[in-house]
């Protein structure tokens, strides 16, 4: 039996002696079964759910709130796991919070359970986690590498921004620029054409705090080139990637990116040039693809207009423009991925899955990258309409995608061969 896991006010982790673990899918609480769980993977971390009172289930099948820690004085608090790259969440933690509580921090809380003294999470592996394991980052050499890069390019504002992101936000794509490997982020745009509900670089004061701040300058093509060329020449799965968490929409800087790609490819054909985008600025997407972009990843929460627009709250575009950008990138020979924002109880609804599969077949997308959506479920359901149809489950969603001919399913961008 998988027992309820909770935290005490002393910061210790406990498993309950009789209550069993539960999870949440959409607006439903469910008992966690063995089929839902894997052992807590390397690189995962356990966190407190602020203000969350844990919910368990008795062996008789009755859902029960655990307000008090049965072993010590004080309250019991809900916990969740934060998964590393390569794992897709299948259930949220189950808890209740006061109506006056501010929205939760933008984290991908995942349901946790305990059996035989070992911790389990509601997730499934969907890609190779090794390049993104935390132990590969934040080593003792990182500050030295950052200082050396800043010394080599003292006037480069992108380098200074990435130094801040690497050392203060512990951003892995920023750190990869200084390590000279894998996917390295190059932020380019302070502006955006959407107002995403779960934006990680800009939030209204009354909502959850942004985990990182957006850049406040417009880089020049030369600044981009100074960062990109050494990285692409490193030869270790190198990807130079526009459209990072510390910026807005990169296609709004299409002219600058296009000029930079021309300068980069005049110097080296090594590595992959990638862009992460919402795909709404169709002329910007087309211009950058023509300039020599190798790969594009287009963010998508839903292939249904009502769900899509409620989350992205776009300015001047809609799902039709995004579909157009996807189809044009595919037809232009650019490796095209969807950055699918997965949320249990939403993404795995039957009507959502059907619309997604229709879009993939219609546009010829090459890959779907499954990305755990970091957002408070109460905040999400307050703004995004919950589909009325049945839920098939996240594992069944992944299986349905994996069966589509020619489609790769994973969790992150890979170099283009």
Protein backbone atom coordinates (compact mmCIF):
# COMPACT_ATOMS: atom_id res chain seq x y z
CA UNK A 1 0.00 0.00 0.00
CA UNK A 2 1.19 3.50 -0.84
CA UNK A 3 0.92 5.78 2.16
CA UNK A 4 0.20 9.49 2.36
CA UNK A 5 3.34 11.64 2.63
CA UNK A 6 3.22 14.99 4.44
CA UNK A 7 5.48 17.51 6.16
CA UNK A 8 5.42 18.63 9.78
CA UNK A 9 5.99 22.13 11.07
CA UNK A 10 9.47 21.00 12.11
CA UNK A 11 10.34 20.48 8.44
CA UNK A 12 10.47 16.70 8.74
CA UNK A 13 8.85 14.36 6.23
CA UNK A 14 6.35 11.76 7.44
CA UNK A 15 4.29 8.94 6.00
CA UNK A 16 0.91 8.34 7.57
CA UNK A 17 0.26 5.12 9.50
CA UNK A 18 -3.18 4.51 7.97
CA UNK A 19 -4.12 7.08 5.32
CA UNK A 20 -3.24 6.13 1.75
CA UNK A 21 -1.80 8.46 -0.90
CA UNK A 22 -4.03 10.37 -3.29
CA UNK A 23 -3.49 12.53 -6.33
CA UNK A 24 -5.39 15.07 -8.38
CA UNK A 25 -6.42 15.07 -12.04
CA UNK A 26 -8.24 18.21 -13.11
CA UNK A 27 -10.97 18.81 -10.56
CA UNK A 28 -10.97 15.21 -9.23
CA UNK A 29 -9.12 13.56 -6.36
CA UNK A 30 -8.13 9.94 -6.97
CA UNK A 31 -6.42 7.17 -5.04
CA UNK A 32 -2.90 6.53 -6.29
CA UNK A 33 -2.25 3.00 -7.53
CA UNK A 34 0.93 1.13 -8.36
CA UNK A 35 0.38 1.78 -12.07
CA UNK A 36 0.64 5.54 -11.43
CA UNK A 37 4.04 5.49 -9.73
CA UNK A 38 7.76 5.23 -10.27
CA UNK A 39 10.52 5.53 -7.68
CA UNK A 40 11.59 9.09 -6.94
CA UNK A 41 14.13 9.73 -9.74
CA UNK A 42 17.59 11.20 -9.36
CA UNK A 43 17.48 14.96 -9.51
CA UNK A 44 13.93 15.25 -8.18
CA UNK A 45 13.33 17.42 -5.12
CA UNK A 46 10.62 17.48 -2.49
CA UNK A 47 8.95 20.79 -1.64
CA UNK A 48 6.25 22.06 0.68
CA UNK A 49 2.97 23.14 -0.93
CA UNK A 50 2.45 26.55 0.76
CA UNK A 51 -0.77 26.54 2.77
CA UNK A 52 -1.75 23.12 1.42
CA UNK A 53 -3.57 20.76 3.80
CA UNK A 54 -2.88 17.16 2.66
CA UNK A 55 -5.69 14.88 1.57
CA UNK A 56 -5.48 11.12 2.03
CA UNK A 57 -7.91 8.24 1.69
CA UNK A 58 -8.85 5.64 4.26
CA UNK A 59 -8.69 1.93 3.49
CA UNK A 60 -12.49 2.07 3.39
CA UNK A 61 -12.27 4.57 0.50
CA UNK A 62 -13.14 7.84 2.28
CA UNK A 63 -11.18 10.97 1.38
CA UNK A 64 -9.91 12.66 4.54
CA UNK A 65 -8.11 15.95 5.20
CA UNK A 66 -5.13 15.64 7.54
CA UNK A 67 -5.08 18.89 9.50
CA UNK A 68 -2.91 17.87 12.43
CA UNK A 69 0.37 15.98 12.51
CA UNK A 70 -0.56 12.79 14.40
CA UNK A 71 2.94 12.37 15.88
CA UNK A 72 3.84 15.94 16.87
CA UNK A 73 2.05 19.11 17.81
CA UNK A 74 1.28 21.41 14.95
CA UNK A 75 -0.16 21.24 11.45
CA UNK A 76 0.49 18.73 8.70
CA UNK A 77 1.32 20.24 5.30
CA UNK A 78 1.10 18.84 1.78
CA UNK A 79 4.27 18.07 -0.15
CA UNK A 80 5.00 17.61 -3.83
CA UNK A 81 7.95 16.55 -5.96
CA UNK A 82 9.62 18.68 -8.64
CA UNK A 83 10.71 16.43 -11.48
CA UNK A 84 13.89 16.77 -13.53
CA UNK A 85 13.80 16.93 -17.32
CA UNK A 86 12.94 13.61 -18.94
CA UNK A 87 9.97 12.81 -16.68
CA UNK A 88 6.32 13.68 -17.27
CA UNK A 89 3.93 14.20 -14.35
CA UNK A 90 0.74 12.11 -14.37
CA UNK A 91 -0.98 13.36 -11.20
CA UNK A 92 -0.87 16.51 -9.08
CA UNK A 93 -0.65 16.34 -5.28
CA UNK A 94 -4.03 16.40 -3.55
CA UNK A 95 -4.56 19.16 -0.99
CA UNK A 96 -6.88 21.98 -0.07
CA UNK A 97 -5.97 25.63 0.56
CA UNK A 98 -7.82 28.59 2.02
CA UNK A 99 -9.73 30.75 -0.44
CA UNK A 100 -7.73 33.81 0.60
CA UNK A 101 -4.36 32.20 -0.16
CA UNK A 102 -2.32 33.80 -2.97
CA UNK A 103 -1.68 31.55 -5.99
CA UNK A 104 1.03 28.95 -5.58
CA UNK A 105 4.53 29.58 -6.92
CA UNK A 106 5.00 28.55 -10.55
CA UNK A 107 6.25 25.02 -9.87
CA UNK A 108 5.35 21.63 -11.32
CA UNK A 109 4.10 20.01 -8.12
CA UNK A 110 3.82 16.23 -8.54
CA UNK A 111 2.01 13.71 -6.30
CA UNK A 112 4.23 11.74 -3.89
CA UNK A 113 3.65 8.46 -2.02
CA UNK A 114 5.64 6.15 0.27
CA UNK A 115 5.91 2.38 0.50
CA UNK A 116 8.36 0.38 2.56
CA UNK A 117 10.33 3.48 3.47
CA UNK A 118 10.89 4.45 -0.19
CA UNK A 119 9.43 7.45 -1.98
CA UNK A 120 7.48 7.26 -5.24
CA UNK A 121 6.12 9.91 -7.61
CA UNK A 122 3.22 9.99 -10.07
CA UNK A 123 5.24 10.24 -13.26
CA UNK A 124 6.63 8.33 -16.21
CA UNK A 125 9.98 8.59 -18.00
CA UNK A 126 9.70 10.19 -21.44
CA UNK A 127 13.30 11.05 -22.37
CA UNK A 128 16.92 10.50 -21.34
CA UNK A 129 17.32 12.51 -18.09
CA UNK A 130 21.12 12.45 -17.98
CA UNK A 131 21.91 15.77 -19.75
CA UNK A 132 19.60 17.61 -17.33
CA UNK A 133 20.43 15.96 -14.03
CA UNK A 134 21.17 18.67 -11.43
CA UNK A 135 24.45 17.01 -10.46
CA UNK A 136 25.81 18.04 -13.90
CA UNK A 137 25.34 21.72 -13.02
CA UNK A 138 26.34 24.31 -10.42
CA UNK A 139 29.78 22.82 -9.83
CA UNK A 140 32.64 24.72 -8.23
CA UNK A 141 34.08 25.78 -11.59
CA UNK A 142 30.96 27.62 -12.77
CA UNK A 143 31.81 31.04 -11.21
CA UNK A 144 35.29 30.84 -12.74
CA UNK A 145 33.87 29.99 -16.16
CA UNK A 146 31.41 32.87 -15.91
CA UNK A 147 34.14 35.37 -15.03
CA UNK A 148 36.30 34.17 -17.92
CA UNK A 149 33.48 34.54 -20.45
CA UNK A 150 32.70 38.03 -19.15
CA UNK A 151 36.38 38.89 -19.46
CA UNK A 152 36.46 37.62 -23.05
CA UNK A 153 33.37 39.69 -24.00
CA UNK A 154 33.23 42.60 -21.50
CA UNK A 155 30.67 44.64 -23.48
CA UNK A 156 28.31 41.79 -24.30
CA UNK A 157 25.00 42.31 -22.50
CA UNK A 158 23.76 38.80 -23.30
CA UNK A 159 26.75 37.30 -21.49
CA UNK A 160 26.02 39.46 -18.46
CA UNK A 161 22.35 38.43 -18.51
CA UNK A 162 23.29 34.74 -18.77
CA UNK A 163 25.78 35.15 -15.94
CA UNK A 164 22.96 36.42 -13.73
CA UNK A 165 20.65 33.59 -14.83
CA UNK A 166 23.32 30.93 -14.35
CA UNK A 167 24.47 32.02 -10.90
CA UNK A 168 21.25 33.40 -9.37
CA UNK A 169 18.43 31.52 -11.10
CA UNK A 170 20.53 28.36 -11.58
CA UNK A 171 19.19 28.15 -15.14
CA UNK A 172 20.63 25.09 -16.86
CA UNK A 173 20.47 26.46 -20.43
CA UNK A 174 22.30 29.59 -19.25
CA UNK A 175 24.92 27.48 -17.49
CA UNK A 176 25.47 25.40 -20.63
CA UNK A 177 26.79 28.50 -22.41
CA UNK A 178 29.58 28.68 -19.83
CA UNK A 179 30.13 24.92 -19.77
CA UNK A 180 30.29 24.88 -23.58
CA UNK A 181 27.89 21.98 -24.21
CA UNK A 182 24.33 20.88 -25.04
CA UNK A 183 21.49 23.42 -25.31
CA UNK A 184 22.60 26.95 -24.52
CA UNK A 185 20.09 29.76 -24.20
CA UNK A 186 20.50 33.10 -25.98
CA UNK A 187 17.79 35.59 -24.89
CA UNK A 188 16.97 38.21 -27.52
CA UNK A 189 13.57 39.86 -26.95
CA UNK A 190 12.23 41.97 -24.06
CA UNK A 191 8.75 42.15 -25.65
CA UNK A 192 5.95 39.62 -26.04
CA UNK A 193 2.71 39.35 -28.02
CA UNK A 194 0.93 37.13 -25.46
CA UNK A 195 0.06 37.35 -21.79
CA UNK A 196 0.36 33.71 -20.75
CA UNK A 197 -1.33 32.76 -17.51
CA UNK A 198 1.78 30.87 -16.36
CA UNK A 199 4.44 33.22 -17.76
CA UNK A 200 7.66 32.70 -15.81
CA UNK A 201 9.19 36.11 -16.56
CA UNK A 202 6.30 38.52 -16.07
CA UNK A 203 3.36 38.32 -13.64
CA UNK A 204 0.99 40.93 -12.18
CA UNK A 205 1.73 41.99 -8.61
CA UNK A 206 -1.38 40.31 -7.20
CA UNK A 207 -0.41 36.91 -8.63
CA UNK A 208 2.45 34.52 -7.99
CA UNK A 209 5.97 35.96 -8.24
CA UNK A 210 7.91 35.31 -11.45
CA UNK A 211 10.84 32.95 -10.83
CA UNK A 212 13.03 35.07 -13.10
CA UNK A 213 13.08 38.57 -14.58
CA UNK A 214 12.84 39.37 -18.28
CA UNK A 215 15.72 41.05 -20.12
CA UNK A 216 15.35 44.81 -20.51
CA UNK A 217 17.44 45.44 -23.62
CA UNK A 218 17.48 44.65 -27.34
CA UNK A 219 20.64 42.68 -28.24
CA UNK A 220 22.53 43.41 -31.43
CA UNK A 221 23.35 40.74 -34.03
CA UNK A 222 27.01 41.00 -33.04
CA UNK A 223 26.22 40.25 -29.37
CA UNK A 224 24.27 37.16 -30.46
CA UNK A 225 27.12 36.00 -32.70
CA UNK A 226 29.70 36.37 -29.92
CA UNK A 227 27.68 33.98 -27.77
CA UNK A 228 26.50 31.56 -30.45
CA UNK A 229 29.62 30.79 -32.49
CA UNK A 230 31.86 29.53 -29.63
CA UNK A 231 28.96 27.47 -28.33
CA UNK A 232 28.10 25.89 -31.66
CA UNK A 233 31.76 25.02 -32.25
CA UNK A 234 32.04 23.17 -28.93
CA UNK A 235 30.92 19.94 -30.60
CA UNK A 236 29.12 18.41 -27.59
CA UNK A 237 25.49 18.20 -28.74
CA UNK A 238 25.60 21.96 -29.24
CA UNK A 239 22.32 23.87 -29.62
CA UNK A 240 22.13 27.67 -29.67
CA UNK A 241 18.57 28.39 -28.59
CA UNK A 242 16.52 31.59 -28.85
CA UNK A 243 13.37 32.05 -26.80
CA UNK A 244 14.32 31.55 -23.17
CA UNK A 245 12.47 31.89 -19.87
CA UNK A 246 14.08 35.28 -19.23
CA UNK A 247 12.65 36.91 -22.35
CA UNK A 248 9.47 37.56 -24.29
CA UNK A 249 8.68 36.38 -27.81
CA UNK A 250 11.83 36.02 -29.98
CA UNK A 251 10.07 36.44 -33.34
CA UNK A 252 9.43 40.08 -32.41
CA UNK A 253 13.20 40.46 -32.96
CA UNK A 254 13.07 38.61 -36.28
CA UNK A 255 15.30 41.03 -38.21
CA UNK A 256 18.04 40.85 -35.57
CA UNK A 257 17.88 37.05 -35.27
CA UNK A 258 17.88 36.58 -39.06
CA UNK A 259 20.94 38.79 -39.48
CA UNK A 260 22.69 36.95 -36.66
CA UNK A 261 21.96 33.53 -38.22
CA UNK A 262 23.51 34.72 -41.50
CA UNK A 263 26.66 35.87 -39.68
CA UNK A 264 26.85 32.62 -37.69
CA UNK A 265 26.50 30.36 -40.71
CA UNK A 266 29.10 32.40 -42.62
CA UNK A 267 31.51 31.38 -39.86
CA UNK A 268 30.47 27.81 -38.99
CA UNK A 269 28.06 25.06 -40.05
CA UNK A 270 28.46 23.29 -36.69
CA UNK A 271 25.68 22.69 -34.19
CA UNK A 272 21.95 23.36 -34.22
CA UNK A 273 20.29 26.78 -34.22
CA UNK A 274 16.93 26.47 -32.47
CA UNK A 275 14.11 28.83 -31.56
CA UNK A 276 11.40 28.45 -28.92
CA UNK A 277 8.35 30.52 -29.85
CA UNK A 278 4.59 30.80 -29.47
CA UNK A 279 4.35 30.82 -33.27
CA UNK A 280 1.81 33.64 -33.39
CA UNK A 281 3.91 36.14 -35.38
CA UNK A 282 3.74 34.25 -38.65
CA UNK A 283 5.86 36.65 -40.73
CA UNK A 284 8.57 36.66 -38.05
CA UNK A 285 8.60 32.85 -37.92
CA UNK A 286 8.82 32.64 -41.71
CA UNK A 287 11.67 35.19 -41.89
CA UNK A 288 13.76 33.39 -39.28
CA UNK A 289 13.15 29.98 -40.88
CA UNK A 290 14.30 31.33 -44.26
CA UNK A 291 17.44 32.74 -42.64
CA UNK A 292 18.65 29.21 -41.85
CA UNK A 293 17.00 28.08 -38.63
CA UNK A 294 17.59 24.36 -38.03
CA UNK A 295 14.90 23.61 -35.44
CA UNK A 296 11.83 25.30 -34.02
CA UNK A 297 9.78 24.47 -30.92
CA UNK A 298 6.32 25.98 -30.79
CA UNK A 299 4.57 26.26 -27.43
CA UNK A 300 1.09 24.75 -27.22
CA UNK A 301 -1.27 24.02 -24.36
CA UNK A 302 -4.17 22.92 -26.55
CA UNK A 303 -5.26 22.47 -30.15
CA UNK A 304 -8.74 23.73 -29.21
CA UNK A 305 -9.18 27.51 -29.65
CA UNK A 306 -11.18 28.08 -26.45
CA UNK A 307 -8.54 26.42 -24.27
CA UNK A 308 -5.61 27.89 -26.19
CA UNK A 309 -6.77 31.50 -26.06
CA UNK A 310 -7.85 31.34 -22.40
CA UNK A 311 -4.30 30.39 -21.40
CA UNK A 312 -2.13 32.39 -23.84
CA UNK A 313 -4.36 35.50 -23.98
CA UNK A 314 -2.67 36.47 -27.28
CA UNK A 315 -2.55 39.93 -28.80
CA UNK A 316 -3.25 39.98 -32.53
CA UNK A 317 -3.12 36.26 -33.25
CA UNK A 318 -4.87 33.01 -32.47
CA UNK A 319 -4.55 29.28 -32.92
CA UNK A 320 -5.06 29.59 -36.69
CA UNK A 321 -1.85 31.64 -37.00
CA UNK A 322 0.03 29.16 -34.83
CA UNK A 323 -1.08 26.26 -37.06
CA UNK A 324 0.07 28.27 -40.09
CA UNK A 325 3.52 28.78 -38.54
CA UNK A 326 3.82 25.07 -37.72
CA UNK A 327 2.88 23.99 -41.24
CA UNK A 328 5.21 26.53 -42.86
CA UNK A 329 8.16 25.49 -40.72
CA UNK A 330 7.59 21.81 -41.55
CA UNK A 331 7.26 22.50 -45.28
CA UNK A 332 10.43 24.61 -45.14
CA UNK A 333 12.46 21.67 -43.84
CA UNK A 334 12.89 23.00 -40.31
CA UNK A 335 12.82 20.32 -37.59
CA UNK A 336 9.51 21.21 -35.94
CA UNK A 337 8.46 20.33 -32.39
CA UNK A 338 5.51 21.16 -30.20
CA UNK A 339 6.34 22.22 -26.67
CA UNK A 340 3.20 20.63 -25.23
CA UNK A 341 2.31 22.05 -21.81
CA UNK A 342 0.97 18.99 -20.01
CA UNK A 343 -1.46 19.33 -17.12
CA UNK A 344 -3.18 16.21 -15.73
CA UNK A 345 -6.94 16.49 -16.11
CA UNK A 346 -6.68 18.96 -19.01
CA UNK A 347 -4.22 17.75 -21.64
CA UNK A 348 -5.42 14.15 -21.32
CA UNK A 349 -9.14 14.90 -21.84
CA UNK A 350 -10.44 12.94 -24.81
CA UNK A 351 -11.50 16.01 -26.81
CA UNK A 352 -8.11 17.66 -26.16
CA UNK A 353 -6.24 14.56 -27.33
CA UNK A 354 -8.38 14.23 -30.46
CA UNK A 355 -7.77 17.89 -31.42
CA UNK A 356 -4.04 17.54 -30.77
CA UNK A 357 -3.72 14.42 -32.92
CA UNK A 358 -5.65 16.13 -35.74
CA UNK A 359 -3.25 19.11 -35.63
CA UNK A 360 -0.18 16.83 -35.68
CA UNK A 361 -1.49 14.85 -38.66
CA UNK A 362 -2.54 18.00 -40.52
CA UNK A 363 0.73 19.90 -40.09
CA UNK A 364 3.29 17.07 -40.11
CA UNK A 365 4.97 17.97 -36.80
CA UNK A 366 8.21 15.99 -36.24
CA UNK A 367 8.24 15.82 -32.44
CA UNK A 368 6.15 16.47 -29.35
CA UNK A 369 8.10 17.59 -26.29
CA UNK A 370 6.12 16.96 -23.13
CA UNK A 371 6.59 19.82 -20.65
CA UNK A 372 5.04 19.82 -17.18
CA UNK A 373 2.99 23.00 -16.84
CA UNK A 374 4.00 24.92 -13.72
CA UNK A 375 0.88 26.61 -12.40
CA UNK A 376 -1.51 26.60 -9.46
CA UNK A 377 -4.48 24.37 -10.46
CA UNK A 378 -6.97 26.73 -8.83
CA UNK A 379 -5.58 29.65 -10.84
CA UNK A 380 -5.67 27.60 -14.05
CA UNK A 381 -9.28 26.50 -13.64
CA UNK A 382 -10.31 30.04 -12.75
CA UNK A 383 -9.33 31.17 -16.25
CA UNK A 384 -9.28 28.09 -18.49
CA UNK A 385 -12.54 26.22 -19.20
CA UNK A 386 -12.35 22.60 -18.11
CA UNK A 387 -13.45 20.30 -20.96
CA UNK A 388 -16.57 18.29 -20.20
CA UNK A 389 -15.48 14.98 -21.70
CA UNK A 390 -13.82 12.05 -19.92
CA UNK A 391 -10.14 11.91 -18.95
CA UNK A 392 -8.05 9.16 -20.52
CA UNK A 393 -4.93 9.66 -18.34
CA UNK A 394 -1.49 11.05 -19.12
CA UNK A 395 0.09 7.60 -19.77
CA UNK A 396 -2.65 6.91 -22.32
CA UNK A 397 -2.03 10.32 -23.91
CA UNK A 398 1.67 9.50 -24.29
CA UNK A 399 0.83 6.08 -25.73
CA UNK A 400 -1.57 7.62 -28.27
CA UNK A 401 1.10 10.09 -29.41
CA UNK A 402 3.77 7.39 -29.59
CA UNK A 403 1.62 5.42 -32.02
CA UNK A 404 1.48 8.24 -34.60
CA UNK A 405 3.69 7.37 -37.61
CA UNK A 406 6.84 9.46 -37.89
CA UNK A 407 6.31 11.33 -34.63
CA UNK A 408 8.98 11.39 -31.92
CA UNK A 409 7.82 11.86 -28.33
CA UNK A 410 10.29 13.22 -25.76
CA UNK A 411 10.84 15.96 -23.21
CA UNK A 412 13.37 18.42 -24.63
CA UNK A 413 15.14 19.61 -27.79
CA UNK A 414 17.76 17.37 -29.39
CA UNK A 415 20.42 18.33 -31.95
CA UNK A 416 19.42 18.12 -35.59
CA UNK A 417 21.47 15.48 -37.38
